[in-house]
Amino acid sequence: MANKVRLEDIARECGVTKGLVSRALAGKYNVGDEKRNEIMQKAVELGYDFSKLRTKKSRGDSVVVIVSQTILLKEEFWQPILKNMYATLNRISIKLEYFVFDSTNIDMAAVRALKDNSCMAFVILHNNPDEILSELSKFNKPIIEIDPKIMHYTGVTQVKYSNYTSIYEVTQKLIKYGHKEICFYGSNTHSFSFRERHEGFLACIDNNKDKGVNGYSLIFDNSALQYSDNKMLLTFLKKNPKITAIICANDIVALNVYKVIQGMGKRIPEDYSVIGFDNIRAGRIAYPTLSTFNVPREQIGDEIGLYIARLRQESRPQYSEFTIRCDFIERDSVRKLDE
């Protein structure tokens, strides 16, 4: 059970002292950045009960990062953002504290206790449940959401990726490469980013109807976080043999598409061009290497750190949202049909 995991257990697994674990989990930054991240992730893996922690009133300027245990485990994607945000804030003497919650059982008493924290702002990392945001909005402090999973439109500052524009442009590129039967594969209910990517695809297809381009939307239920419905995809591709390109909501979805296509005895990119989003390591080492969009995680951390630094002077958010440009990386999974 989670409540039986002790600081000593985490310390033993990480090869550090109990005191170091205590300081890391409490957000005290006389702990090395990499070691702190290692301890936080190990605590999540072991099932540590984060409700034992209470973010106490801070001395000096600080920011509280609201993050789910699930997000902390996704080391490759989120840690560069946190690391660079911490480094940028640390240079100007703004401390970064963590408030970690369990998505399946949110401790609302602990969330309400954040009212007594003297932090200058809250940063919510992707997973932003209604009940948490509703409570934080009562505290009259700036709230910054990074890649929000749900759109609330409540006056918070939202940091988003160029989801719509990026997918619009890559759909246009595929059309230029001679593809006329193109499919978008994803889930509209998984996150706002996925929906924006789908909308960018639909808009581009609509603007190219006069060129004989046909677009297909294959939408699966991702409530179990499986990032695919292989049976549905296999059936769909067999019924629509003219499709030559598949744009996926992210890299994990794209790599699942690889499995289905290869299971059909088909080849990438000879039979299907495949595109993902996020530029994760697995896509870089896949065969063939996956074409994708790079999410500049280090830059995002820097930008948010600088934005928070300006908040210290302005005391109120300057923007309702800002968008981080994600550039296309064309690798071996895409081909021009006339080649």
Foldseek 3Di string as FASTA:
>chain_A
DQCPDDLVNLCVVLVHDSVLLVCLQLQNPVHDLVSSLSSLLSSLVVNHDLVVHANAADDDEEEEEEEESVVSNVCQFASLLVSLLQVLQVVVPYGYGYRYAHPVDGDVVRLLSCLNYPYQEYEYEAEDDPSSVVNVVVSPHAYEYEQHQDDDPPQHEYEAAPQLVVLLVVLVVQVVLVFQEEEEEEAVNRGVSLVSNVNSNVVNQVVCVVVNHDYYYHHDDCPVVPLDDLVSVLVVCVVPVSGQEYEYSAVSNQVSVVVSCVVVVHDFNVRHQYEHEDPDPCQCPDVVRHKYWHDPSNVNSNVVSVQVVVCVVVVGHPDNYDYDYTDIDDTRRDHRPVD
